[in-house]
PDB file of all heavy atoms in Angstrom:
ATOM      1  N   MET A   1       4.362   8.516  -2.896  1.00  0.00           N
ATOM      2  CA  MET A   1       5.657   8.124  -3.450  1.00  0.00           C
ATOM      3  C   MET A   1       5.910   6.637  -3.253  1.00  0.00           C
ATOM      4  O   MET A   1       6.519   5.984  -4.113  1.00  0.00           O
ATOM      5  CB  MET A   1       6.782   8.942  -2.810  1.00  0.00           C
ATOM      6  CG  MET A   1       6.830  10.396  -3.237  1.00  0.00           C
ATOM      7  SD  MET A   1       7.052  10.605  -5.023  1.00  0.00           S
ATOM      8  CE  MET A   1       8.616   9.756  -5.278  1.00  0.00           C
ATOM      9  N   GLU A   2       5.460   6.090  -2.131  1.00  0.00           N
ATOM     10  CA  GLU A   2       5.610   4.649  -1.893  1.00  0.00           C
ATOM     11  C   GLU A   2       4.818   3.858  -2.932  1.00  0.00           C
ATOM     12  O   GLU A   2       5.270   2.828  -3.428  1.00  0.00           O
ATOM     13  CB  GLU A   2       5.132   4.290  -0.477  1.00  0.00           C
ATOM     14  CG  GLU A   2       6.070   4.691   0.643  1.00  0.00           C
ATOM     15  CD  GLU A   2       6.081   6.181   0.941  1.00  0.00           C
ATOM     16  OE1 GLU A   2       5.155   6.883   0.493  1.00  0.00           O
ATOM     17  OE2 GLU A   2       7.001   6.647   1.617  1.00  0.00           O
ATOM     18  N   TRP A   3       3.605   4.349  -3.235  1.00  0.00           N
ATOM     19  CA  TRP A   3       2.789   3.683  -4.255  1.00  0.00           C
ATOM     20  C   TRP A   3       3.481   3.706  -5.609  1.00  0.00           C
ATOM     21  O   TRP A   3       3.518   2.696  -6.318  1.00  0.00           O
ATOM     22  CB  TRP A   3       1.429   4.375  -4.351  1.00  0.00           C
ATOM     23  CG  TRP A   3       0.584   3.852  -5.472  1.00  0.00           C
ATOM     24  CD1 TRP A   3      -0.221   2.747  -5.459  1.00  0.00           C
ATOM     25  CD2 TRP A   3       0.490   4.401  -6.791  1.00  0.00           C
ATOM     26  NE1 TRP A   3      -0.825   2.573  -6.681  1.00  0.00           N
ATOM     27  CE2 TRP A   3      -0.407   3.575  -7.528  1.00  0.00           C
ATOM     28  CE3 TRP A   3       1.055   5.505  -7.419  1.00  0.00           C
ATOM     29  CZ2 TRP A   3      -0.725   3.834  -8.853  1.00  0.00           C
ATOM     30  CZ3 TRP A   3       0.738   5.761  -8.741  1.00  0.00           C
ATOM     31  CH2 TRP A   3      -0.145   4.932  -9.448  1.00  0.00           C
ATOM     32  N   LEU A   4       4.040   4.862  -5.978  1.00  0.00           N
ATOM     33  CA  LEU A   4       4.735   4.974  -7.261  1.00  0.00           C
ATOM     34  C   LEU A   4       5.951   4.052  -7.293  1.00  0.00           C
ATOM     35  O   LEU A   4       6.193   3.347  -8.292  1.00  0.00           O
ATOM     36  CB  LEU A   4       5.165   6.421  -7.489  1.00  0.00           C
ATOM     37  CG  LEU A   4       5.982   6.700  -8.759  1.00  0.00           C
ATOM     38  CD1 LEU A   4       5.174   6.338 -10.007  1.00  0.00           C
ATOM     39  CD2 LEU A   4       6.432   8.158  -8.798  1.00  0.00           C
ATOM     40  N   TRP A   5       6.712   4.025  -6.213  1.00  0.00           N
ATOM     41  CA  TRP A   5       7.921   3.188  -6.140  1.00  0.00           C
ATOM     42  C   TRP A   5       7.555   1.715  -6.268  1.00  0.00           C
ATOM     43  O   TRP A   5       8.190   0.967  -7.017  1.00  0.00           O
ATOM     44  CB  TRP A   5       8.638   3.472  -4.820  1.00  0.00           C
ATOM     45  CG  TRP A   5      10.026   2.917  -4.728  1.00  0.00           C
ATOM     46  CD1 TRP A   5      10.806   2.460  -5.752  1.00  0.00           C
ATOM     47  CD2 TRP A   5      10.803   2.769  -3.541  1.00  0.00           C
ATOM     48  NE1 TRP A   5      12.030   2.045  -5.278  1.00  0.00           N
ATOM     49  CE2 TRP A   5      12.048   2.226  -3.921  1.00  0.00           C
ATOM     50  CE3 TRP A   5      10.578   3.068  -2.201  1.00  0.00           C
ATOM     51  CZ2 TRP A   5      13.065   1.959  -2.997  1.00  0.00           C
ATOM     52  CZ3 TRP A   5      11.583   2.818  -1.283  1.00  0.00           C
ATOM     53  CH2 TRP A   5      12.811   2.265  -1.672  1.00  0.00           C
ATOM     54  N   ARG A   6       6.519   1.286  -5.573  1.00  0.00           N
ATOM     55  CA  ARG A   6       6.099  -0.114  -5.640  1.00  0.00           C
ATOM     56  C   ARG A   6       5.559  -0.462  -7.022  1.00  0.00           C
ATOM     57  O   ARG A   6       5.839  -1.540  -7.557  1.00  0.00           O
ATOM     58  CB  ARG A   6       5.033  -0.385  -4.575  1.00  0.00           C
ATOM     59  CG  ARG A   6       5.613  -0.524  -3.173  1.00  0.00           C
ATOM     60  CD  ARG A   6       4.528  -0.387  -2.122  1.00  0.00           C
ATOM     61  NE  ARG A   6       5.008  -0.780  -0.803  1.00  0.00           N
ATOM     62  CZ  ARG A   6       5.772  -0.036  -0.016  1.00  0.00           C
ATOM     63  NH1 ARG A   6       6.169   1.152  -0.433  1.00  0.00           N
ATOM     64  NH2 ARG A   6       6.158  -0.471   1.167  1.00  0.00           N
ATOM     65  N   SER A   7       4.778   0.429  -7.596  1.00  0.00           N
ATOM     66  CA  SER A   7       4.218   0.157  -8.918  1.00  0.00           C
ATOM     67  C   SER A   7       5.311   0.015  -9.963  1.00  0.00           C
ATOM     68  O   SER A   7       5.257  -0.860 -10.836  1.00  0.00           O
ATOM     69  CB  SER A   7       3.244   1.269  -9.318  1.00  0.00           C
ATOM     70  OG  SER A   7       2.122   1.301  -8.455  1.00  0.00           O
ATOM     71  N   LEU A   8       6.330   0.860  -9.870  1.00  0.00           N
ATOM     72  CA  LEU A   8       7.450   0.776 -10.804  1.00  0.00           C
ATOM     73  C   LEU A   8       8.292  -0.471 -10.547  1.00  0.00           C
ATOM     74  O   LEU A   8       8.774  -1.117 -11.477  1.00  0.00           O
ATOM     75  CB  LEU A   8       8.318   2.037 -10.697  1.00  0.00           C
ATOM     76  CG  LEU A   8       7.688   3.332 -11.227  1.00  0.00           C
ATOM     77  CD1 LEU A   8       8.541   4.542 -10.833  1.00  0.00           C
ATOM     78  CD2 LEU A   8       7.524   3.278 -12.741  1.00  0.00           C
ATOM     79  N   THR A   9       8.479  -0.805  -9.265  1.00  0.00           N
ATOM     80  CA  THR A   9       9.281  -1.983  -8.919  1.00  0.00           C
ATOM     81  C   THR A   9       8.640  -3.263  -9.455  1.00  0.00           C
ATOM     82  O   THR A   9       9.311  -4.108 -10.064  1.00  0.00           O
ATOM     83  CB  THR A   9       9.454  -2.087  -7.391  1.00  0.00           C
ATOM     84  OG1 THR A   9      10.191  -0.952  -6.921  1.00  0.00           O
ATOM     85  CG2 THR A   9      10.205  -3.367  -7.016  1.00  0.00           C
ATOM     86  N   TYR A  10       7.342  -3.427  -9.227  1.00  0.00           N
ATOM     87  CA  TYR A  10       6.647  -4.649  -9.648  1.00  0.00           C
ATOM     88  C   TYR A  10       6.084  -4.522 -11.060  1.00  0.00           C
ATOM     89  O   TYR A  10       5.510  -5.463 -11.588  1.00  0.00           O
ATOM     90  CB  TYR A  10       5.535  -4.973  -8.646  1.00  0.00           C
ATOM     91  CG  TYR A  10       6.073  -5.253  -7.264  1.00  0.00           C
ATOM     92  CD1 TYR A  10       6.078  -4.253  -6.293  1.00  0.00           C
ATOM     93  CD2 TYR A  10       6.617  -6.493  -6.941  1.00  0.00           C
ATOM     94  CE1 TYR A  10       6.595  -4.489  -5.023  1.00  0.00           C
ATOM     95  CE2 TYR A  10       7.134  -6.732  -5.683  1.00  0.00           C
ATOM     96  CZ  TYR A  10       7.120  -5.723  -4.729  1.00  0.00           C
ATOM     97  OH  TYR A  10       7.647  -5.959  -3.481  1.00  0.00           O
ATOM     98  N   TRP A  11       6.293  -3.324 -11.660  1.00  0.00           N
ATOM     99  CA  TRP A  11       5.844  -3.056 -13.025  1.00  0.00           C
ATOM    100  C   TRP A  11       4.358  -3.364 -13.176  1.00  0.00           C
ATOM    101  O   TRP A  11       3.903  -3.929 -14.156  1.00  0.00           O
ATOM    102  CB  TRP A  11       6.683  -3.815 -14.032  1.00  0.00           C
ATOM    103  CG  TRP A  11       6.821  -3.098 -15.339  1.00  0.00           C
ATOM    104  CD1 TRP A  11       6.437  -3.542 -16.574  1.00  0.00           C
ATOM    105  CD2 TRP A  11       7.363  -1.796 -15.542  1.00  0.00           C
ATOM    106  NE1 TRP A  11       6.703  -2.592 -17.526  1.00  0.00           N
ATOM    107  CE2 TRP A  11       7.288  -1.499 -16.918  1.00  0.00           C
ATOM    108  CE3 TRP A  11       7.918  -0.815 -14.704  1.00  0.00           C
ATOM    109  CZ2 TRP A  11       7.733  -0.292 -17.472  1.00  0.00           C
ATOM    110  CZ3 TRP A  11       8.363   0.377 -15.245  1.00  0.00           C
ATOM    111  CH2 TRP A  11       8.267   0.618 -16.609  1.00  0.00           C
ATOM    112  N   LYS A  12       3.610  -2.954 -12.153  1.00  0.00           N
ATOM    113  CA  LYS A  12       2.167  -3.175 -12.143  1.00  0.00           C
ATOM    114  C   LYS A  12       1.562  -2.183 -11.167  1.00  0.00           C
ATOM    115  O   LYS A  12       2.071  -1.996 -10.063  1.00  0.00           O
ATOM    116  CB  LYS A  12       1.854  -4.608 -11.694  1.00  0.00           C
ATOM    117  CG  LYS A  12       0.366  -4.916 -11.608  1.00  0.00           C
ATOM    118  CD  LYS A  12       0.137  -6.333 -11.095  1.00  0.00           C
ATOM    119  CE  LYS A  12      -1.341  -6.648 -10.981  1.00  0.00           C
ATOM    120  NZ  LYS A  12      -1.574  -8.008 -10.438  1.00  0.00           N
ATOM    121  N   LEU A  13       0.480  -1.534 -11.576  1.00  0.00           N
ATOM    122  CA  LEU A  13      -0.183  -0.589 -10.688  1.00  0.00           C
ATOM    123  C   LEU A  13      -0.669  -1.314  -9.436  1.00  0.00           C
ATOM    124  O   LEU A  13      -1.390  -2.314  -9.530  1.00  0.00           O
ATOM    125  CB  LEU A  13      -1.362   0.072 -11.404  1.00  0.00           C
ATOM    126  CG  LEU A  13      -1.016   1.064 -12.520  1.00  0.00           C
ATOM    127  CD1 LEU A  13      -2.292   1.614 -13.135  1.00  0.00           C
ATOM    128  CD2 LEU A  13      -0.154   2.202 -11.990  1.00  0.00           C
ATOM    129  N   GLN A  14      -0.261  -0.810  -8.280  1.00  0.00           N
ATOM    130  CA  GLN A  14      -0.652  -1.421  -7.019  1.00  0.00           C
ATOM    131  C   GLN A  14      -1.979  -0.836  -6.548  1.00  0.00           C
ATOM    132  O   GLN A  14      -2.281   0.332  -6.803  1.00  0.00           O
ATOM    133  CB  GLN A  14       0.428  -1.164  -5.966  1.00  0.00           C
ATOM    134  CG  GLN A  14       1.791  -1.749  -6.320  1.00  0.00           C
ATOM    135  CD  GLN A  14       1.762  -3.257  -6.397  1.00  0.00           C
ATOM    136  OE1 GLN A  14       1.248  -3.926  -5.508  1.00  0.00           O
ATOM    137  NE2 GLN A  14       2.321  -3.798  -7.482  1.00  0.00           N
ATOM    138  N   PRO A  15      -2.781  -1.621  -5.867  1.00  0.00           N
ATOM    139  CA  PRO A  15      -4.025  -1.070  -5.306  1.00  0.00           C
ATOM    140  C   PRO A  15      -3.694   0.003  -4.277  1.00  0.00           C
ATOM    141  O   PRO A  15      -2.847  -0.207  -3.404  1.00  0.00           O
ATOM    142  CB  PRO A  15      -4.690  -2.289  -4.663  1.00  0.00           C
ATOM    143  CG  PRO A  15      -3.579  -3.262  -4.435  1.00  0.00           C
ATOM    144  CD  PRO A  15      -2.600  -3.038  -5.540  1.00  0.00           C
ATOM    145  N   MET A  16      -4.346   1.139  -4.400  1.00  0.00           N
ATOM    146  CA  MET A  16      -4.013   2.280  -3.551  1.00  0.00           C
ATOM    147  C   MET A  16      -4.951   2.417  -2.357  1.00  0.00           C
ATOM    148  O   MET A  16      -4.509   2.528  -1.219  1.00  0.00           O
ATOM    149  CB  MET A  16      -4.050   3.567  -4.391  1.00  0.00           C
ATOM    150  CG  MET A  16      -3.624   4.813  -3.639  1.00  0.00           C
ATOM    151  SD  MET A  16      -1.894   4.770  -3.140  1.00  0.00           S
ATOM    152  CE  MET A  16      -1.603   6.514  -2.852  1.00  0.00           C
ATOM    153  N   ARG A  17      -6.233   2.376  -2.610  1.00  0.00           N
ATOM    154  CA  ARG A  17      -7.183   2.613  -1.531  1.00  0.00           C
ATOM    155  C   ARG A  17      -7.251   1.409  -0.589  1.00  0.00           C
ATOM    156  O   ARG A  17      -7.072   0.269  -0.991  1.00  0.00           O
ATOM    157  CB  ARG A  17      -8.571   2.904  -2.092  1.00  0.00           C
ATOM    158  CG  ARG A  17      -8.665   4.220  -2.861  1.00  0.00           C
ATOM    159  CD  ARG A  17     -10.109   4.626  -3.076  1.00  0.00           C
ATOM    160  NE  ARG A  17     -10.783   4.917  -1.826  1.00  0.00           N
ATOM    161  CZ  ARG A  17     -10.734   6.105  -1.210  1.00  0.00           C
ATOM    162  NH1 ARG A  17     -10.037   7.101  -1.728  1.00  0.00           N
ATOM    163  NH2 ARG A  17     -11.384   6.291  -0.076  1.00  0.00           N
ATOM    164  N   ARG A  18      -7.506   1.703   0.661  1.00  0.00           N
ATOM    165  CA  ARG A  18      -7.640   0.661   1.673  1.00  0.00           C
ATOM    166  C   ARG A  18      -9.075   0.154   1.651  1.00  0.00           C
ATOM    167  O   ARG A  18     -10.009   0.917   1.939  1.00  0.00           O
ATOM    168  CB  ARG A  18      -7.285   1.222   3.042  1.00  0.00           C
ATOM    169  CG  ARG A  18      -7.213   0.175   4.141  1.00  0.00           C
ATOM    170  CD  ARG A  18      -6.727   0.801   5.423  1.00  0.00           C
ATOM    171  NE  ARG A  18      -5.363   1.282   5.279  1.00  0.00           N
ATOM    172  CZ  ARG A  18      -4.283   0.505   5.356  1.00  0.00           C
ATOM    173  NH1 ARG A  18      -4.424  -0.793   5.574  1.00  0.00           N
ATOM    174  NH2 ARG A  18      -3.072   1.014   5.204  1.00  0.00           N
ATOM    175  N   ALA A  19      -9.268  -1.095   1.311  1.00  0.00           N
ATOM    176  CA  ALA A  19     -10.617  -1.635   1.097  1.00  0.00           C
ATOM    177  C   ALA A  19     -11.490  -1.514   2.328  1.00  0.00           C
ATOM    178  O   ALA A  19     -12.653  -1.137   2.260  1.00  0.00           O
ATOM    179  CB  ALA A  19     -10.527  -3.087   0.655  1.00  0.00           C
ATOM    180  N   ASP A  20     -10.886  -1.823   3.509  1.00  0.00           N
ATOM    181  CA  ASP A  20     -11.711  -1.827   4.716  1.00  0.00           C
ATOM    182  C   ASP A  20     -11.751  -0.475   5.414  1.00  0.00           C
ATOM    183  O   ASP A  20     -12.452  -0.302   6.409  1.00  0.00           O
ATOM    184  CB  ASP A  20     -11.215  -2.890   5.703  1.00  0.00           C
ATOM    185  CG  ASP A  20      -9.748  -2.680   6.079  1.00  0.00           C
ATOM    186  OD1 ASP A  20      -9.162  -1.664   5.660  1.00  0.00           O
ATOM    187  OD2 ASP A  20      -9.213  -3.541   6.803  1.00  0.00           O
ATOM    188  N   LYS A  21     -10.980   0.497   4.893  1.00  0.00           N
ATOM    189  CA  LYS A  21     -10.918   1.845   5.462  1.00  0.00           C
ATOM    190  C   LYS A  21     -10.486   1.843   6.927  1.00  0.00           C
ATOM    191  O   LYS A  21     -10.708   2.789   7.651  1.00  0.00           O
ATOM    192  CB  LYS A  21     -12.271   2.549   5.358  1.00  0.00           C
ATOM    193  CG  LYS A  21     -12.795   2.693   3.943  1.00  0.00           C
ATOM    194  CD  LYS A  21     -11.972   3.707   3.167  1.00  0.00           C
ATOM    195  CE  LYS A  21     -12.514   3.922   1.762  1.00  0.00           C
ATOM    196  NZ  LYS A  21     -13.809   4.603   1.774  1.00  0.00           N
ATOM    197  N   ALA A  22      -9.824   0.746   7.332  1.00  0.00           N
ATOM    198  CA  ALA A  22      -9.426   0.653   8.733  1.00  0.00           C
ATOM    199  C   ALA A  22      -8.082   1.307   8.937  1.00  0.00           C
ATOM    200  O   ALA A  22      -7.240   1.317   8.061  1.00  0.00           O
ATOM    201  CB  ALA A  22      -9.363  -0.821   9.165  1.00  0.00           C
ATOM    202  N   THR A  23      -7.886   1.828  10.111  1.00  0.00           N
ATOM    203  CA  THR A  23      -6.592   2.411  10.440  1.00  0.00           C
ATOM    204  C   THR A  23      -5.556   1.311  10.505  1.00  0.00           C
ATOM    205  O   THR A  23      -5.794   0.275  11.140  1.00  0.00           O
ATOM    206  CB  THR A  23      -6.660   3.126  11.802  1.00  0.00           C
ATOM    207  OG1 THR A  23      -7.689   4.097  11.733  1.00  0.00           O
ATOM    208  CG2 THR A  23      -5.337   3.789  12.140  1.00  0.00           C
ATOM    209  N   PRO A  24      -4.379   1.477   9.875  1.00  0.00           N
ATOM    210  CA  PRO A  24      -3.375   0.423   9.901  1.00  0.00           C
ATOM    211  C   PRO A  24      -2.944   0.095  11.315  1.00  0.00           C
ATOM    212  O   PRO A  24      -2.814   0.974  12.150  1.00  0.00           O
ATOM    213  CB  PRO A  24      -2.222   1.019   9.085  1.00  0.00           C
ATOM    214  CG  PRO A  24      -2.442   2.486   9.126  1.00  0.00           C
ATOM    215  CD  PRO A  24      -3.922   2.671   9.172  1.00  0.00           C
ATOM    216  N   SER A  25      -2.757  -1.171  11.537  1.00  0.00           N
ATOM    217  CA  SER A  25      -2.361  -1.615  12.872  1.00  0.00           C
ATOM    218  C   SER A  25      -1.010  -1.067  13.253  1.00  0.00           C
ATOM    219  O   SER A  25      -0.091  -1.033  12.464  1.00  0.00           O
ATOM    220  CB  SER A  25      -2.315  -3.143  12.921  1.00  0.00           C
ATOM    221  OG  SER A  25      -1.753  -3.583  14.126  1.00  0.00           O
ATOM    222  N   THR A  26      -0.881  -0.607  14.509  1.00  0.00           N
ATOM    223  CA  THR A  26       0.410  -0.151  15.003  1.00  0.00           C
ATOM    224  C   THR A  26       0.869  -1.006  16.168  1.00  0.00           C
ATOM    225  O   THR A  26       1.681  -0.608  16.975  1.00  0.00           O
ATOM    226  CB  THR A  26       0.321   1.316  15.448  1.00  0.00           C
ATOM    227  OG1 THR A  26      -0.751   1.457  16.389  1.00  0.00           O
ATOM    228  CG2 THR A  26       0.072   2.231  14.267  1.00  0.00           C
ATOM    229  N   SER A  27       0.304  -2.208  16.271  1.00  0.00           N
ATOM    230  CA  SER A  27       0.754  -3.127  17.309  1.00  0.00           C
ATOM    231  C   SER A  27       2.110  -3.677  16.954  1.00  0.00           C
ATOM    232  O   SER A  27       2.505  -3.691  15.804  1.00  0.00           O
ATOM    233  CB  SER A  27      -0.259  -4.273  17.452  1.00  0.00           C
ATOM    234  OG  SER A  27      -0.359  -4.967  16.232  1.00  0.00           O
ATOM    235  N   GLN A  28       2.833  -4.103  17.947  1.00  0.00           N
ATOM    236  CA  GLN A  28       4.166  -4.622  17.713  1.00  0.00           C
ATOM    237  C   GLN A  28       4.097  -5.980  17.025  1.00  0.00           C
ATOM    238  O   GLN A  28       3.285  -6.821  17.383  1.00  0.00           O
ATOM    239  CB  GLN A  28       4.913  -4.732  19.042  1.00  0.00           C
ATOM    240  CG  GLN A  28       5.089  -3.357  19.707  1.00  0.00           C
ATOM    241  CD  GLN A  28       5.613  -3.479  21.101  1.00  0.00           C
ATOM    242  OE1 GLN A  28       6.485  -4.308  21.334  1.00  0.00           O
ATOM    243  NE2 GLN A  28       5.131  -2.684  22.024  1.00  0.00           N
ATOM    244  N   VAL A  29       4.930  -6.167  16.047  1.00  0.00           N
ATOM    245  CA  VAL A  29       4.948  -7.403  15.272  1.00  0.00           C
ATOM    246  C   VAL A  29       6.306  -8.046  15.426  1.00  0.00           C
ATOM    247  O   VAL A  29       7.324  -7.381  15.323  1.00  0.00           O
ATOM    248  CB  VAL A  29       4.680  -7.118  13.774  1.00  0.00           C
ATOM    249  CG1 VAL A  29       4.651  -8.413  12.993  1.00  0.00           C
ATOM    250  CG2 VAL A  29       3.355  -6.390  13.613  1.00  0.00           C
TER     251      VAL A  29
END
């Protein structure tokens, strides 16, 4: 749903797959 929302917002299909297949960082930012 986030992908669909972003694609509609920017009116452009967003890249879906994670290129590096790495687990997203959960460190504090």
